[in-house]
Each structure stands twice: as C-alpha cells, then as structure tokens.
C-alpha atoms as a PDB file:
ATOM      1  CA  MET A   1      31.254  24.026 -44.341  1.00  0.00           C
ATOM      2  CA  ILE A   2      27.446  24.035 -44.340  1.00  0.00           C
ATOM      3  CA  CYS A   3      27.506  20.571 -45.904  1.00  0.00           C
ATOM      4  CA  ILE A   4      30.035  19.294 -43.357  1.00  0.00           C
ATOM      5  CA  TYR A   5      28.139  20.699 -40.371  1.00  0.00           C
ATOM      6  CA  LEU A   6      24.867  19.454 -41.821  1.00  0.00           C
ATOM      7  CA  ILE A   7      26.264  15.924 -41.679  1.00  0.00           C
ATOM      8  CA  LEU A   8      27.338  16.514 -38.071  1.00  0.00           C
ATOM      9  CA  SER A   9      24.019  17.993 -36.956  1.00  0.00           C
ATOM     10  CA  LEU A  10      21.925  15.333 -38.688  1.00  0.00           C
ATOM     11  CA  SER A  11      23.956  12.587 -37.021  1.00  0.00           C
ATOM     12  CA  LEU A  12      23.756  14.218 -33.580  1.00  0.00           C
ATOM     13  CA  ASN A  13      20.012  14.608 -34.066  1.00  0.00           C
ATOM     14  CA  LEU A  14      19.757  10.815 -34.126  1.00  0.00           C
ATOM     15  CA  LEU A  15      21.012  10.810 -30.521  1.00  0.00           C
ATOM     16  CA  VAL A  16      19.497  14.002 -29.161  1.00  0.00           C
ATOM     17  CA  GLY A  17      16.262  14.321 -31.083  1.00  0.00           C
ATOM     18  CA  TYR A  18      15.298  10.705 -31.627  1.00  0.00           C
ATOM     19  CA  THR A  19      16.874   8.810 -28.715  1.00  0.00           C
ATOM     20  CA  GLY A  20      16.772  11.623 -26.148  1.00  0.00           C
ATOM     21  CA  LEU A  21      20.473  11.371 -25.237  1.00  0.00           C
ATOM     22  CA  LEU A  22      22.130  14.756 -24.723  1.00  0.00           C
ATOM     23  CA  SER A  23      25.622  14.042 -26.040  1.00  0.00           C
ATOM     24  CA  LEU A  24      28.632  16.290 -25.462  1.00  0.00           C
ATOM     25  CA  CYS A  25      31.152  14.144 -27.305  1.00  0.00           C
ATOM     26  CA  HIS A  26      30.178  14.456 -30.951  1.00  0.00           C
ATOM     27  CA  ALA A  27      33.330  16.390 -31.802  1.00  0.00           C
ATOM     28  CA  ALA A  28      35.251  13.350 -30.538  1.00  0.00           C
ATOM     29  CA  PHE A  29      33.663  11.159 -33.235  1.00  0.00           C
ATOM     30  CA  TYR A  30      34.272  13.984 -35.716  1.00  0.00           C
ATOM     31  CA  GLY A  31      37.951  14.063 -34.762  1.00  0.00           C
ATOM     32  CA  ILE A  32      38.421  10.283 -34.739  1.00  0.00           C
ATOM     33  CA  GLY A  33      37.036  10.111 -38.266  1.00  0.00           C
ATOM     34  CA  ALA A  34      39.292  12.945 -39.433  1.00  0.00           C
ATOM     35  CA  TYR A  35      42.457  11.468 -37.903  1.00  0.00           C
ATOM     36  CA  ALA A  36      41.691   7.869 -38.878  1.00  0.00           C
ATOM     37  CA  SER A  37      41.163   8.674 -42.558  1.00  0.00           C
ATOM     38  CA  THR A  38      44.076  11.130 -42.620  1.00  0.00           C
ATOM     39  CA  LEU A  39      46.523   8.625 -41.132  1.00  0.00           C
ATOM     40  CA  LEU A  40      45.364   5.934 -43.540  1.00  0.00           C
ATOM     41  CA  ILE A  41      45.952   8.327 -46.440  1.00  0.00           C
ATOM     42  CA  THR A  42      49.287   9.805 -45.324  1.00  0.00           C
ATOM     43  CA  LYS A  43      50.919   6.749 -43.707  1.00  0.00           C
ATOM     44  CA  PHE A  44      49.486   3.872 -45.732  1.00  0.00           C
ATOM     45  CA  GLY A  45      48.790   5.561 -49.059  1.00  0.00           C
ATOM     46  CA  LEU A  46      45.085   4.742 -49.204  1.00  0.00           C
ATOM     47  CA  ASN A  47      42.820   6.674 -51.508  1.00  0.00           C
ATOM     48  CA  PHE A  48      40.346   9.038 -49.830  1.00  0.00           C
ATOM     49  CA  PHE A  49      37.387   6.935 -50.939  1.00  0.00           C
ATOM     50  CA  LEU A  50      38.907   3.860 -49.284  1.00  0.00           C
ATOM     51  CA  ALA A  51      40.146   5.665 -46.178  1.00  0.00           C
ATOM     52  CA  LEU A  52      36.747   7.258 -45.517  1.00  0.00           C
ATOM     53  CA  PRO A  53      34.789   3.996 -44.959  1.00  0.00           C
ATOM     54  CA  ALA A  54      37.719   2.615 -42.954  1.00  0.00           C
ATOM     55  CA  GLY A  55      37.606   5.721 -40.745  1.00  0.00           C
ATOM     56  CA  VAL A  56      33.861   5.285 -40.351  1.00  0.00           C
ATOM     57  CA  GLY A  57      34.360   1.686 -39.222  1.00  0.00           C
ATOM     58  CA  ILE A  58      37.063   2.643 -36.698  1.00  0.00           C
ATOM     59  CA  THR A  59      34.875   5.410 -35.274  1.00  0.00           C
ATOM     60  CA  MET A  60      31.870   3.112 -34.952  1.00  0.00           C
ATOM     61  CA  ILE A  61      33.956   0.599 -33.010  1.00  0.00           C
ATOM     62  CA  LEU A  62      35.332   3.273 -30.671  1.00  0.00           C
ATOM     63  CA  SER A  63      31.830   4.685 -30.169  1.00  0.00           C
ATOM     64  CA  LEU A  64      31.095   1.557 -28.158  1.00  0.00           C
ATOM     65  CA  LEU A  65      33.253   3.105 -25.407  1.00  0.00           C
ATOM     66  CA  VAL A  66      30.402   5.544 -24.838  1.00  0.00           C
ATOM     67  CA  ALA A  67      27.541   3.257 -25.801  1.00  0.00           C
ATOM     68  CA  TYR A  68      28.178   0.545 -23.236  1.00  0.00           C
ATOM     69  CA  PRO A  69      28.401   2.844 -20.179  1.00  0.00           C
ATOM     70  CA  SER A  70      25.262   4.609 -21.386  1.00  0.00           C
ATOM     71  CA  LEU A  71      23.255   1.404 -20.950  1.00  0.00           C
ATOM     72  CA  ARG A  72      23.078   2.022 -17.213  1.00  0.00           C
ATOM     73  CA  LEU A  73      23.192   5.792 -17.191  1.00  0.00           C
ATOM     74  CA  LYS A  74      20.815   8.549 -18.229  1.00  0.00           C
ATOM     75  CA  GLY A  75      20.228  12.211 -17.561  1.00  0.00           C
ATOM     76  CA  ASP A  76      23.073  14.071 -15.879  1.00  0.00           C
ATOM     77  CA  TYR A  77      25.158  10.917 -15.425  1.00  0.00           C
ATOM     78  CA  PHE A  78      25.087  10.158 -19.122  1.00  0.00           C
ATOM     79  CA  ILE A  79      26.081  13.748 -19.949  1.00  0.00           C
ATOM     80  CA  LEU A  80      29.104  13.396 -17.650  1.00  0.00           C
ATOM     81  CA  THR A  81      30.078  10.121 -19.335  1.00  0.00           C
ATOM     82  CA  ALA A  82      29.952  11.729 -22.780  1.00  0.00           C
ATOM     83  CA  PHE A  83      31.874  14.734 -21.431  1.00  0.00           C
ATOM     84  CA  GLY A  84      34.579  12.420 -20.092  1.00  0.00           C
ATOM     85  CA  PHE A  85      34.895  10.611 -23.437  1.00  0.00           C
ATOM     86  CA  GLN A  86      35.297  13.947 -25.226  1.00  0.00           C
ATOM     87  CA  ILE A  87      38.107  14.983 -22.874  1.00  0.00           C
ATOM     88  CA  ILE A  88      39.843  11.605 -23.234  1.00  0.00           C
ATOM     89  CA  VAL A  89      39.777  11.714 -27.040  1.00  0.00           C
ATOM     90  CA  PHE A  90      41.098  15.278 -27.131  1.00  0.00           C
ATOM     91  CA  SER A  91      43.878  14.385 -24.681  1.00  0.00           C
ATOM     92  CA  VAL A  92      44.920  11.384 -26.777  1.00  0.00           C
ATOM     93  CA  LEU A  93      44.953  13.416 -29.984  1.00  0.00           C
ATOM     94  CA  TYR A  94      46.941  16.181 -28.287  1.00  0.00           C
ATOM     95  CA  ASN A  95      49.503  14.041 -26.442  1.00  0.00           C
ATOM     96  CA  TRP A  96      50.102  11.024 -28.695  1.00  0.00           C
ATOM     97  CA  VAL A  97      52.674  12.942 -30.717  1.00  0.00           C
ATOM     98  CA  GLY A  98      54.162   9.838 -32.300  1.00  0.00           C
ATOM     99  CA  LEU A  99      50.896   9.038 -34.056  1.00  0.00           C
ATOM    100  CA  THR A 100      48.911  12.269 -34.353  1.00  0.00           C
ATOM    101  CA  ARG A 101      51.808  14.813 -34.189  1.00  0.00           C
ATOM    102  CA  GLY A 102      49.926  16.305 -31.241  1.00  0.00           C
ATOM    103  CA  PRO A 103      49.697  20.111 -31.210  1.00  0.00           C
ATOM    104  CA  TYR A 104      51.782  20.320 -34.412  1.00  0.00           C
ATOM    105  CA  GLY A 105      48.939  18.819 -36.439  1.00  0.00           C
ATOM    106  CA  ILE A 106      49.118  16.917 -39.722  1.00  0.00           C
ATOM    107  CA  PRO A 107      49.745  19.149 -42.765  1.00  0.00           C
ATOM    108  CA  GLY A 108      49.733  18.383 -46.458  1.00  0.00           C
ATOM    109  CA  ILE A 109      46.667  16.132 -46.517  1.00  0.00           C
ATOM    110  CA  PRO A 110      45.985  15.242 -50.180  1.00  0.00           C
ATOM    111  CA  LYS A 111      42.776  16.406 -51.809  1.00  0.00           C
ATOM    112  CA  PRO A 112      40.270  13.617 -52.556  1.00  0.00           C
ATOM    113  CA  SER A 113      40.655  12.005 -55.951  1.00  0.00           C
ATOM    114  CA  LEU A 114      38.685   9.385 -57.842  1.00  0.00           C
ATOM    115  CA  LEU A 115      40.019   7.508 -60.888  1.00  0.00           C
ATOM    116  CA  GLY A 116      42.594  10.236 -61.471  1.00  0.00           C
ATOM    117  CA  PHE A 117      40.097  13.077 -61.088  1.00  0.00           C
ATOM    118  CA  GLU A 118      41.040  15.369 -58.200  1.00  0.00           C
ATOM    119  CA  PHE A 119      38.565  17.505 -56.244  1.00  0.00           C
ATOM    120  CA  ASP A 120      41.072  20.337 -55.961  1.00  0.00           C
ATOM    121  CA  SER A 121      38.852  23.421 -56.356  1.00  0.00           C
ATOM    122  CA  LEU A 122      36.142  24.940 -54.190  1.00  0.00           C
ATOM    123  CA  PRO A 123      33.283  24.228 -56.644  1.00  0.00           C
ATOM    124  CA  LEU A 124      34.374  20.603 -57.035  1.00  0.00           C
ATOM    125  CA  PHE A 125      34.740  20.087 -53.285  1.00  0.00           C
ATOM    126  CA  LEU A 126      31.352  21.712 -52.754  1.00  0.00           C
ATOM    127  CA  LEU A 127      29.908  19.163 -55.172  1.00  0.00           C
ATOM    128  CA  LEU A 128      31.619  16.294 -53.336  1.00  0.00           C
ATOM    129  CA  SER A 129      30.513  17.424 -49.876  1.00  0.00           C
ATOM    130  CA  ALA A 130      26.977  18.128 -51.126  1.00  0.00           C
ATOM    131  CA  VAL A 131      26.712  14.582 -52.498  1.00  0.00           C
ATOM    132  CA  PHE A 132      27.756  13.146 -49.138  1.00  0.00           C
ATOM    133  CA  ALA A 133      25.366  15.482 -47.285  1.00  0.00           C
ATOM    134  CA  LEU A 134      22.474  14.372 -49.532  1.00  0.00           C
ATOM    135  CA  LEU A 135      23.347  10.707 -49.003  1.00  0.00           C
ATOM    136  CA  VAL A 136      23.422  11.192 -45.229  1.00  0.00           C
ATOM    137  CA  PHE A 137      20.133  13.085 -45.376  1.00  0.00           C
ATOM    138  CA  PHE A 138      18.506  10.272 -47.362  1.00  0.00           C
ATOM    139  CA  VAL A 139      19.831   7.543 -45.043  1.00  0.00           C
ATOM    140  CA  LEU A 140      18.745   9.311 -41.856  1.00  0.00           C
ATOM    141  CA  TYR A 141      15.391  10.221 -43.377  1.00  0.00           C
ATOM    142  CA  ARG A 142      14.785   6.541 -44.095  1.00  0.00           C
ATOM    143  CA  ILE A 143      15.933   5.612 -40.591  1.00  0.00           C
ATOM    144  CA  SER A 144      13.626   8.177 -38.976  1.00  0.00           C
ATOM    145  CA  ALA A 145      10.639   6.831 -40.924  1.00  0.00           C
ATOM    146  CA  SER A 146      11.482   3.184 -40.208  1.00  0.00           C
ATOM    147  CA  PRO A 147      10.419   0.983 -37.266  1.00  0.00           C
ATOM    148  CA  PHE A 148      13.937   1.513 -35.888  1.00  0.00           C
ATOM    149  CA  GLY A 149      13.377   5.278 -35.790  1.00  0.00           C
ATOM    150  CA  ARG A 150       9.997   4.867 -34.113  1.00  0.00           C
ATOM    151  CA  VAL A 151      11.541   2.703 -31.413  1.00  0.00           C
ATOM    152  CA  LEU A 152      14.186   5.380 -30.786  1.00  0.00           C
ATOM    153  CA  LYS A 153      11.406   7.918 -30.292  1.00  0.00           C
ATOM    154  CA  ALA A 154       9.704   5.544 -27.871  1.00  0.00           C
ATOM    155  CA  ILE A 155      12.953   5.258 -25.903  1.00  0.00           C
ATOM    156  CA  ARG A 156      13.181   9.053 -25.860  1.00  0.00           C
ATOM    157  CA  GLU A 157       9.686   9.394 -24.423  1.00  0.00           C
ATOM    158  CA  ASP A 158       9.816   6.543 -21.894  1.00  0.00           C
ATOM    159  CA  GLU A 159      12.444   3.801 -21.690  1.00  0.00           C
ATOM    160  CA  LEU A 160      10.331   1.676 -19.356  1.00  0.00           C
ATOM    161  CA  VAL A 161       7.394   1.637 -21.741  1.00  0.00           C
ATOM    162  CA  ALA A 162       9.651   0.747 -24.681  1.00  0.00           C
ATOM    163  CA  SER A 163      11.169  -2.078 -22.639  1.00  0.00           C
ATOM    164  CA  ALA A 164       7.727  -3.291 -21.544  1.00  0.00           C
ATOM    165  CA  LEU A 165       6.735  -3.505 -25.218  1.00  0.00           C
ATOM    166  CA  GLY A 166       9.541  -6.018 -25.732  1.00  0.00           C
ATOM    167  CA  LYS A 167      12.175  -3.690 -27.216  1.00  0.00           C
ATOM    168  CA  ASN A 168      15.809  -4.222 -26.269  1.00  0.00           C
ATOM    169  CA  VAL A 169      16.579  -0.644 -25.234  1.00  0.00           C
ATOM    170  CA  ALA A 170      20.281  -1.349 -24.733  1.00  0.00           C
ATOM    171  CA  ASN A 171      20.785  -2.648 -28.269  1.00  0.00           C
ATOM    172  CA  PHE A 172      18.901   0.271 -29.803  1.00  0.00           C
ATOM    173  CA  LYS A 173      21.064   2.772 -27.889  1.00  0.00           C
ATOM    174  CA  ILE A 174      24.216   1.005 -29.036  1.00  0.00           C
ATOM    175  CA  TRP A 175      23.146   1.095 -32.672  1.00  0.00           C
ATOM    176  CA  ALA A 176      22.112   4.744 -32.397  1.00  0.00           C
ATOM    177  CA  PHE A 177      25.553   5.629 -31.052  1.00  0.00           C
ATOM    178  CA  MET A 178      27.387   3.615 -33.661  1.00  0.00           C
ATOM    179  CA  ILE A 179      25.382   5.095 -36.540  1.00  0.00           C
ATOM    180  CA  ALA A 180      25.725   8.663 -35.226  1.00  0.00           C
ATOM    181  CA  GLY A 181      29.458   8.225 -34.627  1.00  0.00           C
ATOM    182  CA  GLY A 182      30.047   6.688 -38.037  1.00  0.00           C
ATOM    183  CA  ILE A 183      28.216   9.494 -39.824  1.00  0.00           C
ATOM    184  CA  ALA A 184      30.155  12.114 -37.835  1.00  0.00           C
ATOM    185  CA  ALA A 185      33.339  10.402 -39.063  1.00  0.00           C
ATOM    186  CA  ILE A 186      32.248  11.124 -42.650  1.00  0.00           C
ATOM    187  CA  ALA A 187      32.190  14.835 -41.787  1.00  0.00           C
ATOM    188  CA  GLY A 188      35.651  14.493 -40.228  1.00  0.00           C
ATOM    189  CA  SER A 189      37.104  12.916 -43.359  1.00  0.00           C
ATOM    190  CA  LEU A 190      35.585  15.625 -45.550  1.00  0.00           C
ATOM    191  CA  TYR A 191      36.889  18.356 -43.241  1.00  0.00           C
ATOM    192  CA  ALA A 192      40.425  16.959 -43.376  1.00  0.00           C
ATOM    193  CA  GLY A 193      40.291  16.781 -47.156  1.00  0.00           C
ATOM    194  CA  TYR A 194      38.919  20.301 -47.379  1.00  0.00           C
ATOM    195  CA  VAL A 195      41.389  22.177 -45.161  1.00  0.00           C
ATOM    196  CA  THR A 196      44.317  19.756 -45.889  1.00  0.00           C
ATOM    197  CA  TYR A 197      45.476  20.229 -42.279  1.00  0.00           C
ATOM    198  CA  ILE A 198      44.106  18.996 -38.962  1.00  0.00           C
ATOM    199  CA  ASP A 199      45.099  19.456 -35.340  1.00  0.00           C
ATOM    200  CA  PRO A 200      43.335  18.621 -32.041  1.00  0.00           C
ATOM    201  CA  THR A 201      41.988  22.153 -31.512  1.00  0.00           C
ATOM    202  CA  SER A 202      39.377  21.553 -34.216  1.00  0.00           C
ATOM    203  CA  PHE A 203      37.776  18.767 -32.150  1.00  0.00           C
ATOM    204  CA  THR A 204      37.430  20.209 -28.673  1.00  0.00           C
ATOM    205  CA  LEU A 205      34.578  20.342 -26.167  1.00  0.00           C
ATOM    206  CA  ASP A 206      33.730  23.789 -27.579  1.00  0.00           C
ATOM    207  CA  GLU A 207      33.142  22.165 -30.955  1.00  0.00           C
ATOM    208  CA  SER A 208      30.829  19.565 -29.389  1.00  0.00           C
ATOM    209  CA  ILE A 209      28.884  22.359 -27.712  1.00  0.00           C
ATOM    210  CA  PHE A 210      28.642  24.246 -31.002  1.00  0.00           C
ATOM    211  CA  ILE A 211      27.247  21.188 -32.810  1.00  0.00           C
ATOM    212  CA  LEU A 212      24.749  20.730 -29.981  1.00  0.00           C
ATOM    213  CA  ALA A 213      23.830  24.427 -30.242  1.00  0.00           C
ATOM    214  CA  ILE A 214      22.960  23.878 -33.909  1.00  0.00           C
ATOM    215  CA  ILE A 215      20.468  21.226 -32.783  1.00  0.00           C
ATOM    216  CA  LEU A 216      19.063  23.412 -30.010  1.00  0.00           C
ATOM    217  CA  VAL A 217      18.592  26.406 -32.306  1.00  0.00           C
ATOM    218  CA  GLY A 218      17.289  24.614 -35.370  1.00  0.00           C
ATOM    219  CA  GLY A 219      15.338  21.986 -33.486  1.00  0.00           C
ATOM    220  CA  SER A 220      15.488  18.222 -33.157  1.00  0.00           C
ATOM    221  CA  GLY A 221      13.266  15.180 -33.402  1.00  0.00           C
ATOM    222  CA  ASN A 222      12.687  15.646 -37.131  1.00  0.00           C
ATOM    223  CA  ILE A 223      14.808  16.023 -40.244  1.00  0.00           C
ATOM    224  CA  ARG A 224      14.086  19.744 -40.785  1.00  0.00           C
ATOM    225  CA  GLY A 225      15.473  21.171 -37.548  1.00  0.00           C
ATOM    226  CA  PRO A 226      19.168  20.337 -38.108  1.00  0.00           C
ATOM    227  CA  ILE A 227      19.010  21.768 -41.634  1.00  0.00           C
ATOM    228  CA  VAL A 228      17.584  25.075 -40.416  1.00  0.00           C
ATOM    229  CA  GLY A 229      20.003  25.220 -37.479  1.00  0.00           C
ATOM    230  CA  THR A 230      23.059  24.477 -39.616  1.00  0.00           C
ATOM    231  CA  ILE A 231      22.290  27.113 -42.209  1.00  0.00           C
ATOM    232  CA  PHE A 232      21.506  29.714 -39.546  1.00  0.00           C
ATOM    233  CA  MET A 233      24.525  29.053 -37.318  1.00  0.00           C
ATOM    234  CA  ILE A 234      27.059  28.864 -40.157  1.00  0.00           C
ATOM    235  CA  ILE A 235      25.780  31.885 -42.062  1.00  0.00           C
ATOM    236  CA  LEU A 236      25.380  34.085 -38.961  1.00  0.00           C
ATOM    237  CA  PRO A 237      29.145  34.734 -38.468  1.00  0.00           C
ATOM    238  CA  GLU A 238      29.455  35.651 -42.148  1.00  0.00           C
ATOM    239  CA  ALA A 239      26.510  38.041 -41.868  1.00  0.00           C
ATOM    240  CA  LEU A 240      28.174  39.758 -38.891  1.00  0.00           C
ATOM    241  CA  ARG A 241      31.060  40.761 -41.156  1.00  0.00           C
ATOM    242  CA  PHE A 242      28.782  43.335 -42.796  1.00  0.00           C
ATOM    243  CA  LEU A 243      28.239  45.085 -39.450  1.00  0.00           C
ATOM    244  CA  GLY A 244      31.836  46.272 -39.413  1.00  0.00           C
ATOM    245  CA  ILE A 245      32.593  44.756 -35.985  1.00  0.00           C
ATOM    246  CA  PRO A 246      36.349  44.891 -35.252  1.00  0.00           C
ATOM    247  CA  ASP A 247      38.123  41.552 -35.602  1.00  0.00           C
ATOM    248  CA  THR A 248      39.355  41.759 -32.015  1.00  0.00           C
ATOM    249  CA  ILE A 249      35.859  41.526 -30.553  1.00  0.00           C
ATOM    250  CA  ALA A 250      33.938  39.781 -33.359  1.00  0.00           C
ATOM    251  CA  PRO A 251      34.385  36.233 -31.908  1.00  0.00           C
ATOM    252  CA  ASN A 252      33.139  37.380 -28.489  1.00  0.00           C
ATOM    253  CA  VAL A 253      30.136  39.152 -30.028  1.00  0.00           C
ATOM    254  CA  ARG A 254      29.304  35.977 -31.960  1.00  0.00           C
ATOM    255  CA  GLN A 255      29.420  33.891 -28.776  1.00  0.00           C
ATOM    256  CA  MET A 256      27.194  36.404 -26.975  1.00  0.00           C
ATOM    257  CA  ILE A 257      24.645  36.261 -29.807  1.00  0.00           C
ATOM    258  CA  TYR A 258      24.669  32.458 -29.719  1.00  0.00           C
ATOM    259  CA  GLY A 259      24.147  32.473 -25.947  1.00  0.00           C
ATOM    260  CA  ALA A 260      21.349  35.027 -26.047  1.00  0.00           C
ATOM    261  CA  LEU A 261      19.629  33.094 -28.825  1.00  0.00           C
ATOM    262  CA  LEU A 262      19.773  29.852 -26.846  1.00  0.00           C
ATOM    263  CA  VAL A 263      18.342  31.523 -23.743  1.00  0.00           C
ATOM    264  CA  PHE A 264      15.533  33.066 -25.804  1.00  0.00           C
ATOM    265  CA  LEU A 265      14.656  29.749 -27.439  1.00  0.00           C
ATOM    266  CA  MET A 266      14.703  27.816 -24.164  1.00  0.00           C
ATOM    267  CA  PHE A 267      12.181  30.264 -22.710  1.00  0.00           C
ATOM    268  CA  PHE A 268       9.873  30.786 -25.687  1.00  0.00           C
ATOM    269  CA  ARG A 269      10.405  27.848 -28.068  1.00  0.00           C
ATOM    270  CA  ALA A 270      12.181  24.950 -26.417  1.00  0.00           C
ATOM    271  CA  GLN A 271      11.845  22.756 -29.527  1.00  0.00           C
ATOM    272  CA  GLY A 272      13.943  25.182 -31.599  1.00  0.00           C
ATOM    273  CA  ILE A 273      13.029  27.005 -34.790  1.00  0.00           C
ATOM    274  CA  ALA A 274      11.781  23.999 -36.753  1.00  0.00           C
ATOM    275  CA  GLY A 275      12.051  21.128 -34.306  1.00  0.00           C
ATOM    276  CA  GLU A 276       9.618  18.630 -32.874  1.00  0.00           C
ATOM    277  CA  TYR A 277      11.234  17.448 -29.642  1.00  0.00           C
ATOM    278  CA  LYS A 278      10.871  19.922 -26.787  1.00  0.00           C
ATOM    279  CA  PHE A 279      13.711  19.995 -24.229  1.00  0.00           C
ATOM    280  CA  GLU A 280      12.509  20.112 -20.657  1.00  0.00           C
END
C-alpha cells in the first residue's frame, strides 16, 4: 500500500507542488484507472500488463475534462471544478450498474501474471508494486529536473510572468493534468490487482482528500516530500494499533490525529515536513 500511495502522491505533487493547482479529484483518476484496467481484464481477457497501459491512456484522455476548464479558472474556482469532476466520476461508477456493477463492485479480479508467472503472493506483489513505484519516481524526478518541470514551477509562482516569457501556460497545464492522471491510473490498476475486488467507495472525495493530506503533511514542490508523507500517513494507522485503542473509535481517533497534524503544519511549517512549496 505504501508503494501504491507513493505513486498517487508523487503524481498529485506534479499538480499541487509543481504547477500550483490544488486538485480534489485525484481519486477520480485513481478509480478510472482501476475500473478501466479491471474491465479490460475481466470482460475482454487482456493480460494485466496490456490492460494497465490501456487504462493509463483512457484516464489521460478523460483527464482533459478537468484540464480544459482549468485553462480559465484558478484558485477557488479551479478547486470547485475539480470537486465537481470527482463527484461526477463517483456517481458514474456508483450508478452505471450495467458496466461497473455499481455498489456491488467487481470481484474475482485476476492477479497480475507475466509469461505464465503469477504475482500471487504478498512478497511477489510487493516486488511488482515497488518496481512500478521506482519507475514512477525516476520518471517524475527527470520531469522535475527538466525544462518542462521548471516551467511548471514558473506557472506556480506567477502565470502572467510565465506567459510573458513566451510559455503556453494552457498547454503546460493540460500536459501536467494528463501526466498526473495517467500515473494515478497506474496506482489504480495495481490496487485492483492487489485486493482483487473494487467498488466505488474506494475512490471517493474522502480518498482525494487523504491523498492531498499526504502532500500537505510530507510537503510538495520537490521529490522528497511525497515520499515522507506517504510513509508517515500509511504507517501511522498501523502504529496506533499498539496503543490498544478500541476498534469502534480507532478510525475517528485517526481522523482527529490527521486533522490536528494538518492544523499544526499549516501554522508552523506550511511547506510540510520535507517540502519546498509553502501553501499560503
């Protein structure tokens, strides 16, 4: 799960930390990737390693539904647009029973296999997800250090200045959205293969907020922040098990700790634990 959420947080960091777009719809891309690859596997018999890139492509195309409206919007208006897209995607996944099975979910998703070798154990799936996480890390590290990444930072700091320097801000935003959405789809495909069952409740607004919280806690604007945030936020619930908190109140205690931590960081370290970009 750390590997899967690391892919999600690194991809969201491209929007939040580098482009300065506070997105509340990342779980929508996550869910589209999971459902697209799952349907290609279960209905059309594709192998996981063929369904995954197809799911990435579908998600990148659908991400344009958010990218194009964002060309004219920023700040609170952009956040509302992303929020609306998240609600639309969840509603489609929940109500299109004929395709997604709606609230019943899709069970029996096959484990990934390659040339007859099946990743059917926890150690093997950890290896698979770690390889994908490392690939995503390498790709986004190269992007952040490239001229493309520097332009995204310029857009984050001042769109007018970036435009005055001859940069097509609209095109850069579109590509940032498509790349972030496509990478989130990788996490969705891995998640579906890991749990072998998906339903819409795994891709709600709460999930988008949680992924954003990873960025806020760990930090954004560099490659280190999402790694720190992911490890901290995923391990924290497991650490709470040792406190002996009753199961009936443990989820609420976890949410309270998350909230208190976010408030503390916003007051005393707005850039997160290891981040570079300071939210104001």
